[in-house]
């Protein structure tokens, strides 16, 4: 898959989950996509200090990204 196409799919996934994060005063941004299998994101706002952000990252963000781009193997939060 072309890198731009993969980036568009990941951005589309983030756009789908962003309203939920923003409703809690947070946000998320794409940092990088490495080797076409690993996505690095940065949780922002209230998500930074939130005690459940790892659960949000795995169950919400990672699941949504994998729905849009199944070849992604992991999603990592860069603090």
PDB file of N, CA and C in Angstrom:
ATOM      1  N   UNK A   1       0.846  -1.188   0.000  1.00  0.00           N
ATOM      2  CA  UNK A   1       0.000   0.000   0.000  1.00  0.00           C
ATOM      3  C   UNK A   1       0.889   1.249   0.000  1.00  0.00           C
ATOM      4  N   UNK A   2       0.479   2.214  -0.749  1.00  0.00           N
ATOM      5  CA  UNK A   2       1.223   3.476  -0.827  1.00  0.00           C
ATOM      6  C   UNK A   2       1.137   4.190   0.521  1.00  0.00           C
ATOM      7  N   UNK A   3       2.252   4.775   0.933  1.00  0.00           N
ATOM      8  CA  UNK A   3       2.322   5.429   2.247  1.00  0.00           C
ATOM      9  C   UNK A   3       1.237   6.489   2.424  1.00  0.00           C
ATOM     10  N   UNK A   4       0.971   7.280   1.397  1.00  0.00           N
ATOM     11  CA  UNK A   4      -0.055   8.320   1.503  1.00  0.00           C
ATOM     12  C   UNK A   4      -1.438   7.719   1.728  1.00  0.00           C
ATOM     13  N   UNK A   5      -1.694   6.610   1.057  1.00  0.00           N
ATOM     14  CA  UNK A   5      -2.988   5.942   1.217  1.00  0.00           C
ATOM     15  C   UNK A   5      -3.147   5.421   2.641  1.00  0.00           C
ATOM     16  N   UNK A   6      -2.096   4.843   3.191  1.00  0.00           N
ATOM     17  CA  UNK A   6      -2.133   4.357   4.570  1.00  0.00           C
ATOM     18  C   UNK A   6      -2.332   5.524   5.536  1.00  0.00           C
ATOM     19  N   UNK A   7      -1.617   6.610   5.306  1.00  0.00           N
ATOM     20  CA  UNK A   7      -1.757   7.793   6.173  1.00  0.00           C
ATOM     21  C   UNK A   7      -3.190   8.312   6.127  1.00  0.00           C
ATOM     22  N   UNK A   8      -3.789   8.345   4.944  1.00  0.00           N
ATOM     23  CA  UNK A   8      -5.179   8.802   4.828  1.00  0.00           C
ATOM     24  C   UNK A   8      -6.124   7.904   5.620  1.00  0.00           C
ATOM     25  N   UNK A   9      -5.887   6.596   5.587  1.00  0.00           N
ATOM     26  CA  UNK A   9      -6.742   5.663   6.331  1.00  0.00           C
ATOM     27  C   UNK A   9      -6.587   5.868   7.836  1.00  0.00           C
ATOM     28  N   UNK A  10      -5.353   6.071   8.294  1.00  0.00           N
ATOM     29  CA  UNK A  10      -5.116   6.296   9.722  1.00  0.00           C
ATOM     30  C   UNK A  10      -5.743   7.624  10.146  1.00  0.00           C
ATOM     31  N   UNK A  11      -5.588   8.652   9.329  1.00  0.00           N
ATOM     32  CA  UNK A  11      -6.197   9.953   9.643  1.00  0.00           C
ATOM     33  C   UNK A  11      -7.722   9.842   9.686  1.00  0.00           C
ATOM     34  N   UNK A  12      -8.299   9.040   8.797  1.00  0.00           N
ATOM     35  CA  UNK A  12      -9.752   8.838   8.796  1.00  0.00           C
ATOM     36  C   UNK A  12     -10.196   8.151  10.084  1.00  0.00           C
ATOM     37  N   UNK A  13      -9.399   7.190  10.547  1.00  0.00           N
ATOM     38  CA  UNK A  13      -9.705   6.503  11.806  1.00  0.00           C
ATOM     39  C   UNK A  13      -9.641   7.485  12.971  1.00  0.00           C
ATOM     40  N   UNK A  14      -8.609   8.329  12.986  1.00  0.00           N
ATOM     41  CA  UNK A  14      -8.475   9.318  14.061  1.00  0.00           C
ATOM     42  C   UNK A  14      -9.625  10.314  14.012  1.00  0.00           C
ATOM     43  N   UNK A  15     -10.064  10.688  12.810  1.00  0.00           N
ATOM     44  CA  UNK A  15     -11.185  11.620  12.673  1.00  0.00           C
ATOM     45  C   UNK A  15     -12.467  11.018  13.252  1.00  0.00           C
ATOM     46  N   UNK A  16     -12.591   9.690  13.145  1.00  0.00           N
ATOM     47  CA  UNK A  16     -13.783   9.022  13.679  1.00  0.00           C
ATOM     48  C   UNK A  16     -13.791   9.029  15.210  1.00  0.00           C
ATOM     49  N   UNK A  17     -12.632   8.878  15.811  1.00  0.00           N
ATOM     50  CA  UNK A  17     -12.570   8.794  17.272  1.00  0.00           C
ATOM     51  C   UNK A  17     -12.377  10.170  17.937  1.00  0.00           C
ATOM     52  N   UNK A  18     -11.883  11.132  17.185  1.00  0.00           N
ATOM     53  CA  UNK A  18     -11.571  12.471  17.729  1.00  0.00           C
ATOM     54  C   UNK A  18     -12.752  13.130  18.476  1.00  0.00           C
ATOM     55  N   UNK A  19     -13.990  13.082  17.942  1.00  0.00           N
ATOM     56  CA  UNK A  19     -15.099  13.736  18.671  1.00  0.00           C
ATOM     57  C   UNK A  19     -15.307  13.192  20.083  1.00  0.00           C
ATOM     58  N   UNK A  20     -15.056  11.893  20.284  1.00  0.00           N
ATOM     59  CA  UNK A  20     -15.208  11.296  21.616  1.00  0.00           C
ATOM     60  C   UNK A  20     -14.138  11.842  22.557  1.00  0.00           C
ATOM     61  N   UNK A  21     -12.910  11.966  22.058  1.00  0.00           N
ATOM     62  CA  UNK A  21     -11.820  12.502  22.872  1.00  0.00           C
ATOM     63  C   UNK A  21     -12.058  13.982  23.172  1.00  0.00           C
ATOM     64  N   UNK A  22     -12.521  14.720  22.160  1.00  0.00           N
ATOM     65  CA  UNK A  22     -12.748  16.153  22.339  1.00  0.00           C
ATOM     66  C   UNK A  22     -13.888  16.425  23.310  1.00  0.00           C
ATOM     67  N   UNK A  23     -14.860  15.517  23.373  1.00  0.00           N
ATOM     68  CA  UNK A  23     -15.972  15.713  24.309  1.00  0.00           C
ATOM     69  C   UNK A  23     -15.496  15.631  25.755  1.00  0.00           C
ATOM     70  N   UNK A  24     -14.336  14.990  25.968  1.00  0.00           N
ATOM     71  CA  UNK A  24     -13.741  14.917  27.305  1.00  0.00           C
ATOM     72  C   UNK A  24     -12.600  15.919  27.472  1.00  0.00           C
ATOM     73  N   UNK A  25     -12.471  16.854  26.524  1.00  0.00           N
ATOM     74  CA  UNK A  25     -11.432  17.876  26.629  1.00  0.00           C
ATOM     75  C   UNK A  25     -10.074  17.429  26.129  1.00  0.00           C
ATOM     76  N   UNK A  26     -10.036  16.342  25.357  1.00  0.00           N
ATOM     77  CA  UNK A  26      -8.769  15.835  24.845  1.00  0.00           C
ATOM     78  C   UNK A  26      -8.721  15.881  23.334  1.00  0.00           C
ATOM     79  N   UNK A  27      -7.681  15.313  22.790  1.00  0.00           N
ATOM     80  CA  UNK A  27      -7.525  15.220  21.340  1.00  0.00           C
ATOM     81  C   UNK A  27      -6.421  14.206  21.046  1.00  0.00           C
ATOM     82  N   UNK A  28      -6.184  13.966  19.777  1.00  0.00           N
ATOM     83  CA  UNK A  28      -5.150  13.026  19.361  1.00  0.00           C
ATOM     84  C   UNK A  28      -4.565  13.496  18.040  1.00  0.00           C
ATOM     85  N   UNK A  29      -3.270  13.293  17.863  1.00  0.00           N
ATOM     86  CA  UNK A  29      -2.645  13.641  16.587  1.00  0.00           C
ATOM     87  C   UNK A  29      -1.719  12.509  16.157  1.00  0.00           C
ATOM     88  N   UNK A  30      -1.590  12.359  14.849  1.00  0.00           N
ATOM     89  CA  UNK A  30      -0.714  11.348  14.275  1.00  0.00           C
ATOM     90  C   UNK A  30       0.718  11.878  14.306  1.00  0.00           C
ATOM     91  N   UNK A  31       1.631  11.079  14.864  1.00  0.00           N
ATOM     92  CA  UNK A  31       3.042  11.450  14.909  1.00  0.00           C
ATOM     93  C   UNK A  31       3.766  10.823  13.725  1.00  0.00           C
ATOM     94  N   UNK A  32       3.620   9.503  13.561  1.00  0.00           N
ATOM     95  CA  UNK A  32       4.283   8.830  12.445  1.00  0.00           C
ATOM     96  C   UNK A  32       3.686   7.456  12.216  1.00  0.00           C
ATOM     97  N   UNK A  33       4.002   6.919  11.040  1.00  0.00           N
ATOM     98  CA  UNK A  33       3.688   5.528  10.710  1.00  0.00           C
ATOM     99  C   UNK A  33       5.016   4.897  10.337  1.00  0.00           C
ATOM    100  N   UNK A  34       5.418   3.874  11.085  1.00  0.00           N
ATOM    101  CA  UNK A  34       6.719   3.247  10.880  1.00  0.00           C
ATOM    102  C   UNK A  34       6.566   1.860  10.269  1.00  0.00           C
ATOM    103  N   UNK A  35       7.297   1.600   9.215  1.00  0.00           N
ATOM    104  CA  UNK A  35       7.329   0.291   8.545  1.00  0.00           C
ATOM    105  C   UNK A  35       5.958  -0.183   8.071  1.00  0.00           C
ATOM    106  N   UNK A  36       5.000   0.728   7.982  1.00  0.00           N
ATOM    107  CA  UNK A  36       3.665   0.357   7.524  1.00  0.00           C
ATOM    108  C   UNK A  36       2.883  -0.509   8.485  1.00  0.00           C
ATOM    109  N   UNK A  37       3.420  -0.696   9.704  1.00  0.00           N
ATOM    110  CA  UNK A  37       2.733  -1.570  10.666  1.00  0.00           C
ATOM    111  C   UNK A  37       2.574  -0.949  12.049  1.00  0.00           C
ATOM    112  N   UNK A  38       3.281   0.124  12.329  1.00  0.00           N
ATOM    113  CA  UNK A  38       3.275   0.722  13.664  1.00  0.00           C
ATOM    114  C   UNK A  38       2.892   2.201  13.562  1.00  0.00           C
ATOM    115  N   UNK A  39       1.877   2.581  14.321  1.00  0.00           N
ATOM    116  CA  UNK A  39       1.403   3.966  14.317  1.00  0.00           C
ATOM    117  C   UNK A  39       1.771   4.614  15.649  1.00  0.00           C
ATOM    118  N   UNK A  40       2.366   5.784  15.573  1.00  0.00           N
ATOM    119  CA  UNK A  40       2.654   6.559  16.774  1.00  0.00           C
ATOM    120  C   UNK A  40       1.722   7.756  16.797  1.00  0.00           C
ATOM    121  N   UNK A  41       1.041   7.915  17.940  1.00  0.00           N
ATOM    122  CA  UNK A  41       0.109   9.023  18.122  1.00  0.00           C
ATOM    123  C   UNK A  41       0.477   9.781  19.384  1.00  0.00           C
ATOM    124  N   UNK A  42      -0.069  10.967  19.503  1.00  0.00           N
ATOM    125  CA  UNK A  42       0.120  11.747  20.721  1.00  0.00           C
ATOM    126  C   UNK A  42      -1.254  12.129  21.257  1.00  0.00           C
ATOM    127  N   UNK A  43      -1.561  11.646  22.457  1.00  0.00           N
ATOM    128  CA  UNK A  43      -2.780  12.065  23.129  1.00  0.00           C
ATOM    129  C   UNK A  43      -2.549  13.465  23.686  1.00  0.00           C
ATOM    130  N   UNK A  44      -3.565  14.312  23.601  1.00  0.00           N
ATOM    131  CA  UNK A  44      -3.419  15.718  23.971  1.00  0.00           C
ATOM    132  C   UNK A  44      -4.528  16.160  24.922  1.00  0.00           C
ATOM    133  N   UNK A  45      -4.340  17.326  25.500  1.00  0.00           N
ATOM    134  CA  UNK A  45      -5.355  17.909  26.377  1.00  0.00           C
ATOM    135  C   UNK A  45      -5.586  17.049  27.605  1.00  0.00           C
ATOM    136  N   UNK A  46      -6.857  16.870  27.968  1.00  0.00           N
ATOM    137  CA  UNK A  46      -7.196  16.076  29.154  1.00  0.00           C
ATOM    138  C   UNK A  46      -6.784  14.619  29.029  1.00  0.00           C
ATOM    139  N   UNK A  47      -6.547  14.142  27.816  1.00  0.00           N
ATOM    140  CA  UNK A  47      -6.136  12.744  27.625  1.00  0.00           C
ATOM    141  C   UNK A  47      -4.737  12.483  28.193  1.00  0.00           C
ATOM    142  N   UNK A  48      -3.922  13.526  28.299  1.00  0.00           N
ATOM    143  CA  UNK A  48      -2.540  13.351  28.754  1.00  0.00           C
ATOM    144  C   UNK A  48      -2.488  12.807  30.174  1.00  0.00           C
ATOM    145  N   UNK A  49      -3.221  13.395  31.084  1.00  0.00           N
ATOM    146  CA  UNK A  49      -3.166  12.965  32.473  1.00  0.00           C
ATOM    147  C   UNK A  49      -4.241  11.976  32.868  1.00  0.00           C
ATOM    148  N   UNK A  50      -5.025  11.541  31.912  1.00  0.00           N
ATOM    149  CA  UNK A  50      -6.161  10.673  32.217  1.00  0.00           C
ATOM    150  C   UNK A  50      -5.699   9.272  32.602  1.00  0.00           C
ATOM    151  N   UNK A  51      -6.267   8.761  33.663  1.00  0.00           N
ATOM    152  CA  UNK A  51      -5.855   7.443  34.164  1.00  0.00           C
ATOM    153  C   UNK A  51      -6.308   6.301  33.263  1.00  0.00           C
ATOM    154  N   UNK A  52      -7.284   6.546  32.410  1.00  0.00           N
ATOM    155  CA  UNK A  52      -7.741   5.459  31.538  1.00  0.00           C
ATOM    156  C   UNK A  52      -7.258   5.630  30.101  1.00  0.00           C
ATOM    157  N   UNK A  53      -6.242   6.486  29.876  1.00  0.00           N
ATOM    158  CA  UNK A  53      -5.819   6.724  28.497  1.00  0.00           C
ATOM    159  C   UNK A  53      -5.238   5.488  27.830  1.00  0.00           C
ATOM    160  N   UNK A  54      -4.603   4.576  28.573  1.00  0.00           N
ATOM    161  CA  UNK A  54      -4.094   3.354  27.949  1.00  0.00           C
ATOM    162  C   UNK A  54      -5.243   2.461  27.483  1.00  0.00           C
ATOM    163  N   UNK A  55      -6.321   2.423  28.256  1.00  0.00           N
ATOM    164  CA  UNK A  55      -7.493   1.661  27.842  1.00  0.00           C
ATOM    165  C   UNK A  55      -8.111   2.311  26.601  1.00  0.00           C
ATOM    166  N   UNK A  56      -8.211   3.638  26.614  1.00  0.00           N
ATOM    167  CA  UNK A  56      -8.739   4.364  25.458  1.00  0.00           C
ATOM    168  C   UNK A  56      -7.882   4.087  24.240  1.00  0.00           C
ATOM    169  N   UNK A  57      -6.568   4.117  24.431  1.00  0.00           N
ATOM    170  CA  UNK A  57      -5.638   3.899  23.328  1.00  0.00           C
ATOM    171  C   UNK A  57      -5.836   2.514  22.726  1.00  0.00           C
ATOM    172  N   UNK A  58      -5.900   1.484  23.561  1.00  0.00           N
ATOM    173  CA  UNK A  58      -5.999   0.110  23.058  1.00  0.00           C
ATOM    174  C   UNK A  58      -7.397  -0.216  22.543  1.00  0.00           C
ATOM    175  N   UNK A  59      -8.414   0.056  23.348  1.00  0.00           N
ATOM    176  CA  UNK A  59      -9.751  -0.398  22.967  1.00  0.00           C
ATOM    177  C   UNK A  59     -10.411   0.536  21.964  1.00  0.00           C
ATOM    178  N   UNK A  60     -10.093   1.806  22.027  1.00  0.00           N
ATOM    179  CA  UNK A  60     -10.723   2.751  21.105  1.00  0.00           C
ATOM    180  C   UNK A  60      -9.874   3.078  19.905  1.00  0.00           C
ATOM    181  N   UNK A  61      -8.740   3.684  20.141  1.00  0.00           N
ATOM    182  CA  UNK A  61      -7.898   4.173  19.054  1.00  0.00           C
ATOM    183  C   UNK A  61      -7.336   3.028  18.223  1.00  0.00           C
ATOM    184  N   UNK A  62      -6.683   2.059  18.874  1.00  0.00           N
ATOM    185  CA  UNK A  62      -6.064   0.967  18.121  1.00  0.00           C
ATOM    186  C   UNK A  62      -7.111   0.163  17.355  1.00  0.00           C
ATOM    187  N   UNK A  63      -8.231  -0.123  17.988  1.00  0.00           N
ATOM    188  CA  UNK A  63      -9.278  -0.894  17.331  1.00  0.00           C
ATOM    189  C   UNK A  63      -9.818  -0.145  16.107  1.00  0.00           C
ATOM    190  N   UNK A  64     -10.014   1.152  16.239  1.00  0.00           N
ATOM    191  CA  UNK A  64     -10.537   1.951  15.127  1.00  0.00           C
ATOM    192  C   UNK A  64      -9.521   2.029  13.991  1.00  0.00           C
ATOM    193  N   UNK A  65      -8.254   2.247  14.317  1.00  0.00           N
ATOM    194  CA  UNK A  65      -7.221   2.299  13.278  1.00  0.00           C
ATOM    195  C   UNK A  65      -7.136   0.965  12.545  1.00  0.00           C
ATOM    196  N   UNK A  66      -7.183  -0.137  13.280  1.00  0.00           N
ATOM    197  CA  UNK A  66      -7.099  -1.460  12.650  1.00  0.00           C
ATOM    198  C   UNK A  66      -8.314  -1.748  11.772  1.00  0.00           C
ATOM    199  N   UNK A  67      -9.457  -1.154  12.115  1.00  0.00           N
ATOM    200  CA  UNK A  67     -10.656  -1.310  11.285  1.00  0.00           C
ATOM    201  C   UNK A  67     -10.422  -0.639   9.923  1.00  0.00           C
ATOM    202  N   UNK A  68      -9.793   0.527   9.929  1.00  0.00           N
ATOM    203  CA  UNK A  68      -9.520   1.262   8.700  1.00  0.00           C
ATOM    204  C   UNK A  68      -8.293   0.719   7.960  1.00  0.00           C
ATOM    205  N   UNK A  69      -7.296   0.255   8.712  1.00  0.00           N
ATOM    206  CA  UNK A  69      -6.035  -0.209   8.132  1.00  0.00           C
ATOM    207  C   UNK A  69      -5.599  -1.490   8.847  1.00  0.00           C
ATOM    208  N   UNK A  70      -6.116  -2.639   8.425  1.00  0.00           N
ATOM    209  CA  UNK A  70      -5.856  -3.910   9.132  1.00  0.00           C
ATOM    210  C   UNK A  70      -4.384  -4.310   9.232  1.00  0.00           C
ATOM    211  N   UNK A  71      -3.529  -3.777   8.377  1.00  0.00           N
ATOM    212  CA  UNK A  71      -2.112  -4.153   8.433  1.00  0.00           C
ATOM    213  C   UNK A  71      -1.373  -3.510   9.613  1.00  0.00           C
ATOM    214  N   UNK A  72      -2.012  -2.563  10.288  1.00  0.00           N
ATOM    215  CA  UNK A  72      -1.376  -1.943  11.459  1.00  0.00           C
ATOM    216  C   UNK A  72      -1.361  -2.963  12.590  1.00  0.00           C
ATOM    217  N   UNK A  73      -0.184  -3.163  13.183  1.00  0.00           N
ATOM    218  CA  UNK A  73      -0.019  -4.153  14.248  1.00  0.00           C
ATOM    219  C   UNK A  73      -0.038  -3.538  15.634  1.00  0.00           C
ATOM    220  N   UNK A  74       0.397  -2.277  15.748  1.00  0.00           N
ATOM    221  CA  UNK A  74       0.424  -1.654  17.068  1.00  0.00           C
ATOM    222  C   UNK A  74       0.239  -0.151  16.967  1.00  0.00           C
ATOM    223  N   UNK A  75      -0.321   0.402  18.041  1.00  0.00           N
ATOM    224  CA  UNK A  75      -0.479   1.844  18.163  1.00  0.00           C
ATOM    225  C   UNK A  75       0.206   2.241  19.464  1.00  0.00           C
ATOM    226  N   UNK A  76       1.129   3.205  19.357  1.00  0.00           N
ATOM    227  CA  UNK A  76       1.927   3.622  20.492  1.00  0.00           C
ATOM    228  C   UNK A  76       1.653   5.090  20.779  1.00  0.00           C
ATOM    229  N   UNK A  77       1.438   5.417  22.052  1.00  0.00           N
ATOM    230  CA  UNK A  77       1.273   6.817  22.450  1.00  0.00           C
ATOM    231  C   UNK A  77       2.639   7.401  22.783  1.00  0.00           C
ATOM    232  N   UNK A  78       2.985   8.496  22.127  1.00  0.00           N
ATOM    233  CA  UNK A  78       4.219   9.212  22.388  1.00  0.00           C
ATOM    234  C   UNK A  78       3.880  10.371  23.318  1.00  0.00           C
ATOM    235  N   UNK A  79       4.416  10.348  24.507  1.00  0.00           N
ATOM    236  CA  UNK A  79       4.094  11.387  25.488  1.00  0.00           C
ATOM    237  C   UNK A  79       4.771  12.703  25.153  1.00  0.00           C
TER     238      UNK A  79
END
